[in-house]
Amino acid sequence: MALLKLTNISKSYGKDERKTAVLEGLDIAIEEGEMLAVMGKSGSGKTTLLNIIAGIDYPDKGEYIFLDTPVLLRKTSDGVRFRRNQIGIIVQHFALINDFSVCENVEMGLWETKMSRKERRSRTMEILDQLEIRTLSDHYPPELSGGEKQRTAIGRAIVTKPRLLLADEPTGALDNLTEQNIMDILTKLNKEGTTMMIITHDEDIARRCTRVIELKK
């Protein structure tokens, strides 16, 4: 069963003679439970695709269906509501808040929910246990290694238990050993039922996914 389906998606940036087409007539479906790798040269539209799926950006034309429902987003707040309980996002350079502890950085993923403070903290500690960083809960990002920062970023992305996890070059800033550890975590999450789309240039990472597509520039 398709979790989401994009049909005839096009997106351009700029105006008139400076207008650049990034996606043109793209069709893609992501099945429930799969781990999809998206590859392609720089400028091929990988991050634009991720942003459209996440509701951060909007296509110029085409249809977006998520869980059999058309996605119609007209303003930023629509995208926030759409992502809240459906989609988690991991970015390459962590995007952690240095003045927040590991616990607080993860828990902020729940701020827009209706959970009580006690419930938020309980869920957060559950995720820290799952990612084996509970002992770092009171530490701050400048005190962490690259792998620990990425685990924290993953925690923030999955604390809402999203149906879909989007990852934009999630290991691009990490050494090879840490990359493998992070991919082990993502693979485990996928086997536990989280659908994923991973943008990557790394063929080793792509081989660990269940399907690979390449965007052509």
C-alpha atoms as a PDB file:
ATOM      1  CA  MET A   1       0.000   0.000   0.000  1.00  0.00           C
ATOM      2  CA  ALA A   2       1.335   3.442  -0.946  1.00  0.00           C
ATOM      3  CA  LEU A   3       1.895   5.770   2.000  1.00  0.00           C
ATOM      4  CA  LEU A   4       2.184   8.665  -0.413  1.00  0.00           C
ATOM      5  CA  LYS A   5       1.988   9.330  -4.123  1.00  0.00           C
ATOM      6  CA  LEU A   6       3.212  12.284  -6.168  1.00  0.00           C
ATOM      7  CA  THR A   7       1.851  12.650  -9.700  1.00  0.00           C
ATOM      8  CA  ASN A   8       3.158  15.018 -12.399  1.00  0.00           C
ATOM      9  CA  ILE A   9       4.975  17.195  -9.859  1.00  0.00           C
ATOM     10  CA  SER A  10       6.804  20.229 -11.244  1.00  0.00           C
ATOM     11  CA  LYS A  11       8.724  22.928  -9.412  1.00  0.00           C
ATOM     12  CA  SER A  12      10.690  25.920 -10.697  1.00  0.00           C
ATOM     13  CA  TYR A  13      12.527  28.773  -9.006  1.00  0.00           C
ATOM     14  CA  GLY A  14      13.128  32.299 -10.264  1.00  0.00           C
ATOM     15  CA  LYS A  15      11.237  34.337 -12.846  1.00  0.00           C
ATOM     16  CA  ASP A  16      11.295  34.966 -16.570  1.00  0.00           C
ATOM     17  CA  GLU A  17      14.734  34.347 -18.123  1.00  0.00           C
ATOM     18  CA  ARG A  18      16.132  33.424 -14.696  1.00  0.00           C
ATOM     19  CA  LYS A  19      13.522  30.713 -14.136  1.00  0.00           C
ATOM     20  CA  THR A  20      15.028  27.296 -13.506  1.00  0.00           C
ATOM     21  CA  ALA A  21      13.038  24.065 -13.573  1.00  0.00           C
ATOM     22  CA  VAL A  22      14.124  21.733 -10.765  1.00  0.00           C
ATOM     23  CA  LEU A  23      11.434  19.038 -11.019  1.00  0.00           C
ATOM     24  CA  GLU A  24       9.417  18.397 -14.167  1.00  0.00           C
ATOM     25  CA  GLY A  25       6.534  15.936 -14.355  1.00  0.00           C
ATOM     26  CA  LEU A  26       7.833  13.757 -11.524  1.00  0.00           C
ATOM     27  CA  ASP A  27       5.847  10.655 -10.551  1.00  0.00           C
ATOM     28  CA  ILE A  28       6.806   8.768  -7.402  1.00  0.00           C
ATOM     29  CA  ALA A  29       5.130   6.558  -4.820  1.00  0.00           C
ATOM     30  CA  ILE A  30       6.520   5.457  -1.463  1.00  0.00           C
ATOM     31  CA  GLU A  31       5.146   2.229  -0.054  1.00  0.00           C
ATOM     32  CA  GLU A  32       4.369   1.636   3.606  1.00  0.00           C
ATOM     33  CA  GLY A  33       7.394   0.135   5.352  1.00  0.00           C
ATOM     34  CA  GLU A  34       9.969   0.682   2.639  1.00  0.00           C
ATOM     35  CA  MET A  35      13.338   2.378   2.969  1.00  0.00           C
ATOM     36  CA  LEU A  36      13.814   4.395  -0.193  1.00  0.00           C
ATOM     37  CA  ALA A  37      17.135   5.929  -1.240  1.00  0.00           C
ATOM     38  CA  VAL A  38      16.999   8.961  -3.540  1.00  0.00           C
ATOM     39  CA  MET A  39      20.182   9.664  -5.464  1.00  0.00           C
ATOM     40  CA  GLY A  40      21.176  12.157  -8.153  1.00  0.00           C
ATOM     41  CA  LYS A  41      23.678  14.843  -8.993  1.00  0.00           C
ATOM     42  CA  SER A  42      23.647  18.217  -7.265  1.00  0.00           C
ATOM     43  CA  GLY A  43      20.815  20.302  -8.655  1.00  0.00           C
ATOM     44  CA  SER A  44      18.716  17.299  -9.654  1.00  0.00           C
ATOM     45  CA  GLY A  45      15.970  18.229  -7.184  1.00  0.00           C
ATOM     46  CA  LYS A  46      16.550  15.802  -4.311  1.00  0.00           C
ATOM     47  CA  THR A  47      16.157  18.322  -1.504  1.00  0.00           C
ATOM     48  CA  THR A  48      13.293  20.036  -3.328  1.00  0.00           C
ATOM     49  CA  LEU A  49      11.522  16.673  -3.470  1.00  0.00           C
ATOM     50  CA  LEU A  50      12.082  16.151   0.260  1.00  0.00           C
ATOM     51  CA  ASN A  51      10.765  19.634   1.040  1.00  0.00           C
ATOM     52  CA  ILE A  52       7.616  19.077  -1.029  1.00  0.00           C
ATOM     53  CA  ILE A  53       6.936  15.752   0.682  1.00  0.00           C
ATOM     54  CA  ALA A  54       7.497  17.413   4.075  1.00  0.00           C
ATOM     55  CA  GLY A  55       5.177  20.309   3.285  1.00  0.00           C
ATOM     56  CA  ILE A  56       8.030  22.808   3.599  1.00  0.00           C
ATOM     57  CA  ASP A  57       7.786  23.772  -0.076  1.00  0.00           C
ATOM     58  CA  TYR A  58       4.923  23.518  -2.554  1.00  0.00           C
ATOM     59  CA  PRO A  59       4.863  22.240  -6.145  1.00  0.00           C
ATOM     60  CA  ASP A  60       3.913  24.549  -8.995  1.00  0.00           C
ATOM     61  CA  LYS A  61       1.663  21.824 -10.323  1.00  0.00           C
ATOM     62  CA  GLY A  62       0.841  18.178  -9.774  1.00  0.00           C
ATOM     63  CA  GLU A  63      -0.956  16.119  -7.144  1.00  0.00           C
ATOM     64  CA  TYR A  64       0.282  14.989  -3.729  1.00  0.00           C
ATOM     65  CA  ILE A  65      -1.639  12.218  -1.959  1.00  0.00           C
ATOM     66  CA  PHE A  66      -0.710  11.155   1.601  1.00  0.00           C
ATOM     67  CA  LEU A  67      -2.634   8.283   3.212  1.00  0.00           C
ATOM     68  CA  ASP A  68      -5.240   8.499   0.422  1.00  0.00           C
ATOM     69  CA  THR A  69      -5.872  12.182   1.179  1.00  0.00           C
ATOM     70  CA  PRO A  70      -4.867  15.102  -1.094  1.00  0.00           C
ATOM     71  CA  VAL A  71      -2.266  17.351   0.528  1.00  0.00           C
ATOM     72  CA  LEU A  72      -3.303  20.974   0.008  1.00  0.00           C
ATOM     73  CA  LEU A  73      -0.939  23.366   1.769  1.00  0.00           C
ATOM     74  CA  ARG A  74      -1.326  27.111   1.279  1.00  0.00           C
ATOM     75  CA  LYS A  75       0.710  28.602   4.126  1.00  0.00           C
ATOM     76  CA  THR A  76       3.493  27.738   6.546  1.00  0.00           C
ATOM     77  CA  SER A  77       1.156  26.803   9.391  1.00  0.00           C
ATOM     78  CA  ASP A  78      -0.550  24.227   7.145  1.00  0.00           C
ATOM     79  CA  GLY A  79       2.801  22.508   6.675  1.00  0.00           C
ATOM     80  CA  VAL A  80       3.531  22.547  10.416  1.00  0.00           C
ATOM     81  CA  ARG A  81       0.208  20.863  11.171  1.00  0.00           C
ATOM     82  CA  PHE A  82       0.728  18.332   8.377  1.00  0.00           C
ATOM     83  CA  ARG A  83       4.192  17.324   9.630  1.00  0.00           C
ATOM     84  CA  ARG A  84       3.287  17.282  13.315  1.00  0.00           C
ATOM     85  CA  ASN A  85       2.172  13.668  13.630  1.00  0.00           C
ATOM     86  CA  GLN A  86       3.061  12.275  10.228  1.00  0.00           C
ATOM     87  CA  ILE A  87       6.599  13.226   9.241  1.00  0.00           C
ATOM     88  CA  GLY A  88       9.979  13.467  10.947  1.00  0.00           C
ATOM     89  CA  ILE A  89      12.988  15.119   9.310  1.00  0.00           C
ATOM     90  CA  ILE A  90      16.721  14.548   9.834  1.00  0.00           C
ATOM     91  CA  VAL A  91      19.151  17.040   8.320  1.00  0.00           C
ATOM     92  CA  GLN A  92      22.850  16.621   7.600  1.00  0.00           C
ATOM     93  CA  HIS A  93      24.245  19.175  10.027  1.00  0.00           C
ATOM     94  CA  PHE A  94      22.038  18.219  12.986  1.00  0.00           C
ATOM     95  CA  ALA A  95      20.342  21.639  13.518  1.00  0.00           C
ATOM     96  CA  LEU A  96      20.467  21.268  17.292  1.00  0.00           C
ATOM     97  CA  ILE A  97      20.040  24.208  19.670  1.00  0.00           C
ATOM     98  CA  ASN A  98      23.282  24.640  21.608  1.00  0.00           C
ATOM     99  CA  ASP A  99      21.552  26.200  24.611  1.00  0.00           C
ATOM    100  CA  PHE A 100      19.254  23.177  24.997  1.00  0.00           C
ATOM    101  CA  SER A 101      20.327  19.877  26.538  1.00  0.00           C
ATOM    102  CA  VAL A 102      20.062  16.615  24.624  1.00  0.00           C
ATOM    103  CA  CYS A 103      16.806  15.913  26.446  1.00  0.00           C
ATOM    104  CA  GLU A 104      15.393  19.341  25.578  1.00  0.00           C
ATOM    105  CA  ASN A 105      16.463  19.102  21.922  1.00  0.00           C
ATOM    106  CA  VAL A 106      14.589  15.821  21.572  1.00  0.00           C
ATOM    107  CA  GLU A 107      11.584  16.917  23.601  1.00  0.00           C
ATOM    108  CA  MET A 108      11.073  20.023  21.451  1.00  0.00           C
ATOM    109  CA  GLY A 109       9.713  17.677  18.776  1.00  0.00           C
ATOM    110  CA  LEU A 110       6.655  17.304  21.038  1.00  0.00           C
ATOM    111  CA  TRP A 111       6.070  20.975  21.808  1.00  0.00           C
ATOM    112  CA  GLU A 112       3.278  21.337  19.272  1.00  0.00           C
ATOM    113  CA  THR A 113       1.389  18.294  20.573  1.00  0.00           C
ATOM    114  CA  LYS A 114      -1.302  18.216  23.255  1.00  0.00           C
ATOM    115  CA  MET A 115       0.764  15.983  25.519  1.00  0.00           C
ATOM    116  CA  SER A 116       1.322  17.077  29.118  1.00  0.00           C
ATOM    117  CA  ARG A 117       4.812  18.016  30.262  1.00  0.00           C
ATOM    118  CA  LYS A 118       5.070  14.730  32.148  1.00  0.00           C
ATOM    119  CA  GLU A 119       4.004  12.750  29.065  1.00  0.00           C
ATOM    120  CA  ARG A 120       6.487  14.633  26.878  1.00  0.00           C
ATOM    121  CA  ARG A 121       9.344  13.903  29.237  1.00  0.00           C
ATOM    122  CA  SER A 122       8.390  10.217  29.532  1.00  0.00           C
ATOM    123  CA  ARG A 123       8.273   9.817  25.730  1.00  0.00           C
ATOM    124  CA  THR A 124      11.573  11.658  25.391  1.00  0.00           C
ATOM    125  CA  MET A 125      13.368   9.417  27.859  1.00  0.00           C
ATOM    126  CA  GLU A 126      11.952   6.376  26.071  1.00  0.00           C
ATOM    127  CA  ILE A 127      13.525   7.622  22.827  1.00  0.00           C
ATOM    128  CA  LEU A 128      16.848   8.406  24.517  1.00  0.00           C
ATOM    129  CA  ASP A 129      16.890   4.827  25.834  1.00  0.00           C
ATOM    130  CA  GLN A 130      16.105   3.506  22.353  1.00  0.00           C
ATOM    131  CA  LEU A 131      19.012   5.464  20.858  1.00  0.00           C
ATOM    132  CA  GLU A 132      21.339   4.628  23.764  1.00  0.00           C
ATOM    133  CA  ILE A 133      21.978   8.268  24.712  1.00  0.00           C
ATOM    134  CA  ARG A 134      20.051   8.521  27.986  1.00  0.00           C
ATOM    135  CA  THR A 135      23.311   9.067  29.868  1.00  0.00           C
ATOM    136  CA  LEU A 136      23.808  12.189  27.735  1.00  0.00           C
ATOM    137  CA  SER A 137      20.398  13.667  28.526  1.00  0.00           C
ATOM    138  CA  ASP A 138      21.836  16.621  30.491  1.00  0.00           C
ATOM    139  CA  HIS A 139      24.698  17.294  28.078  1.00  0.00           C
ATOM    140  CA  TYR A 140      24.698  20.111  25.525  1.00  0.00           C
ATOM    141  CA  PRO A 141      25.462  19.834  21.765  1.00  0.00           C
ATOM    142  CA  PRO A 142      28.969  21.396  21.991  1.00  0.00           C
ATOM    143  CA  GLU A 143      29.901  18.565  24.366  1.00  0.00           C
ATOM    144  CA  LEU A 144      28.827  15.826  21.938  1.00  0.00           C
ATOM    145  CA  SER A 145      30.597  13.881  19.183  1.00  0.00           C
ATOM    146  CA  GLY A 146      29.216  13.947  15.651  1.00  0.00           C
ATOM    147  CA  GLY A 147      27.522  10.588  16.138  1.00  0.00           C
ATOM    148  CA  GLU A 148      25.960  11.686  19.418  1.00  0.00           C
ATOM    149  CA  LYS A 149      24.655  14.850  17.772  1.00  0.00           C
ATOM    150  CA  GLN A 150      23.092  12.822  14.959  1.00  0.00           C
ATOM    151  CA  ARG A 151      21.477  10.407  17.417  1.00  0.00           C
ATOM    152  CA  THR A 152      19.992  13.432  19.177  1.00  0.00           C
ATOM    153  CA  ALA A 153      18.731  14.772  15.849  1.00  0.00           C
ATOM    154  CA  ILE A 154      17.216  11.368  15.050  1.00  0.00           C
ATOM    155  CA  GLY A 155      15.559  11.360  18.470  1.00  0.00           C
ATOM    156  CA  ARG A 156      13.940  14.722  17.804  1.00  0.00           C
ATOM    157  CA  ALA A 157      12.693  13.430  14.428  1.00  0.00           C
ATOM    158  CA  ILE A 158      11.179  10.196  15.758  1.00  0.00           C
ATOM    159  CA  VAL A 159       9.871  11.295  19.167  1.00  0.00           C
ATOM    160  CA  THR A 160       6.426  11.915  17.636  1.00  0.00           C
ATOM    161  CA  LYS A 161       6.484   8.371  16.162  1.00  0.00           C
ATOM    162  CA  PRO A 162       5.973   9.620  12.590  1.00  0.00           C
ATOM    163  CA  ARG A 163       4.635   7.481   9.763  1.00  0.00           C
ATOM    164  CA  LEU A 164       7.414   8.751   7.482  1.00  0.00           C
ATOM    165  CA  LEU A 165      11.013   9.678   8.278  1.00  0.00           C
ATOM    166  CA  LEU A 166      12.831  11.918   5.779  1.00  0.00           C
ATOM    167  CA  ALA A 167      16.626  12.114   5.963  1.00  0.00           C
ATOM    168  CA  ASP A 168      18.728  14.559   3.936  1.00  0.00           C
ATOM    169  CA  GLU A 169      22.306  13.235   3.757  1.00  0.00           C
ATOM    170  CA  PRO A 170      22.038  12.009   7.374  1.00  0.00           C
ATOM    171  CA  THR A 171      25.618  10.706   7.509  1.00  0.00           C
ATOM    172  CA  GLY A 172      27.342  13.227   5.246  1.00  0.00           C
ATOM    173  CA  ALA A 173      29.158  14.954   8.118  1.00  0.00           C
ATOM    174  CA  LEU A 174      30.230  11.746   9.870  1.00  0.00           C
ATOM    175  CA  ASP A 175      33.225   9.418   9.705  1.00  0.00           C
ATOM    176  CA  ASN A 176      32.804   5.932   8.242  1.00  0.00           C
ATOM    177  CA  LEU A 177      32.389   4.065  11.530  1.00  0.00           C
ATOM    178  CA  THR A 178      29.852   6.548  12.875  1.00  0.00           C
ATOM    179  CA  GLU A 179      28.051   6.456   9.517  1.00  0.00           C
ATOM    180  CA  GLN A 180      27.615   2.699   9.867  1.00  0.00           C
ATOM    181  CA  ASN A 181      26.320   3.075  13.428  1.00  0.00           C
ATOM    182  CA  ILE A 182      23.750   5.659  12.328  1.00  0.00           C
ATOM    183  CA  MET A 183      22.667   3.480   9.405  1.00  0.00           C
ATOM    184  CA  ASP A 184      22.246   0.554  11.815  1.00  0.00           C
ATOM    185  CA  ILE A 185      19.861   2.737  13.843  1.00  0.00           C
ATOM    186  CA  LEU A 186      17.894   3.801  10.764  1.00  0.00           C
ATOM    187  CA  THR A 187      17.692   0.237   9.478  1.00  0.00           C
ATOM    188  CA  LYS A 188      16.398  -0.942  12.858  1.00  0.00           C
ATOM    189  CA  LEU A 189      13.755   1.806  12.895  1.00  0.00           C
ATOM    190  CA  ASN A 190      12.685   0.779   9.404  1.00  0.00           C
ATOM    191  CA  LYS A 191      12.378  -2.873  10.401  1.00  0.00           C
ATOM    192  CA  GLU A 192      10.234  -1.753  13.340  1.00  0.00           C
ATOM    193  CA  GLY A 193       7.799  -0.149  10.899  1.00  0.00           C
ATOM    194  CA  THR A 194       8.952   3.392  10.104  1.00  0.00           C
ATOM    195  CA  THR A 195       8.812   4.220   6.408  1.00  0.00           C
ATOM    196  CA  MET A 196      11.867   6.167   5.243  1.00  0.00           C
ATOM    197  CA  MET A 197      13.199   8.233   2.386  1.00  0.00           C
ATOM    198  CA  ILE A 198      16.935   8.917   2.508  1.00  0.00           C
ATOM    199  CA  ILE A 199      18.680  11.396   0.227  1.00  0.00           C
ATOM    200  CA  THR A 200      22.253  10.311  -0.314  1.00  0.00           C
ATOM    201  CA  HIS A 201      25.245  10.426  -2.629  1.00  0.00           C
ATOM    202  CA  ASP A 202      26.717   7.348  -0.946  1.00  0.00           C
ATOM    203  CA  GLU A 203      26.217   4.069  -2.805  1.00  0.00           C
ATOM    204  CA  ASP A 204      26.998   2.053   0.350  1.00  0.00           C
ATOM    205  CA  ILE A 205      24.061   3.717   2.086  1.00  0.00           C
ATOM    206  CA  ALA A 206      21.841   3.205  -0.954  1.00  0.00           C
ATOM    207  CA  ARG A 207      22.637  -0.510  -0.942  1.00  0.00           C
ATOM    208  CA  ARG A 208      21.256  -0.774   2.597  1.00  0.00           C
ATOM    209  CA  CYS A 209      17.889   0.570   1.468  1.00  0.00           C
ATOM    210  CA  THR A 210      15.078  -1.534   0.044  1.00  0.00           C
ATOM    211  CA  ARG A 211      14.784   0.531  -3.168  1.00  0.00           C
ATOM    212  CA  VAL A 212      16.825   3.171  -4.967  1.00  0.00           C
ATOM    213  CA  ILE A 213      15.679   5.836  -7.401  1.00  0.00           C
ATOM    214  CA  GLU A 214      17.854   8.369  -9.219  1.00  0.00           C
ATOM    215  CA  LEU A 215      16.707  11.838 -10.167  1.00  0.00           C
ATOM    216  CA  LYS A 216      18.058  13.093 -13.470  1.00  0.00           C
ATOM    217  CA  LYS A 217      19.085  16.712 -13.821  1.00  0.00           C
END
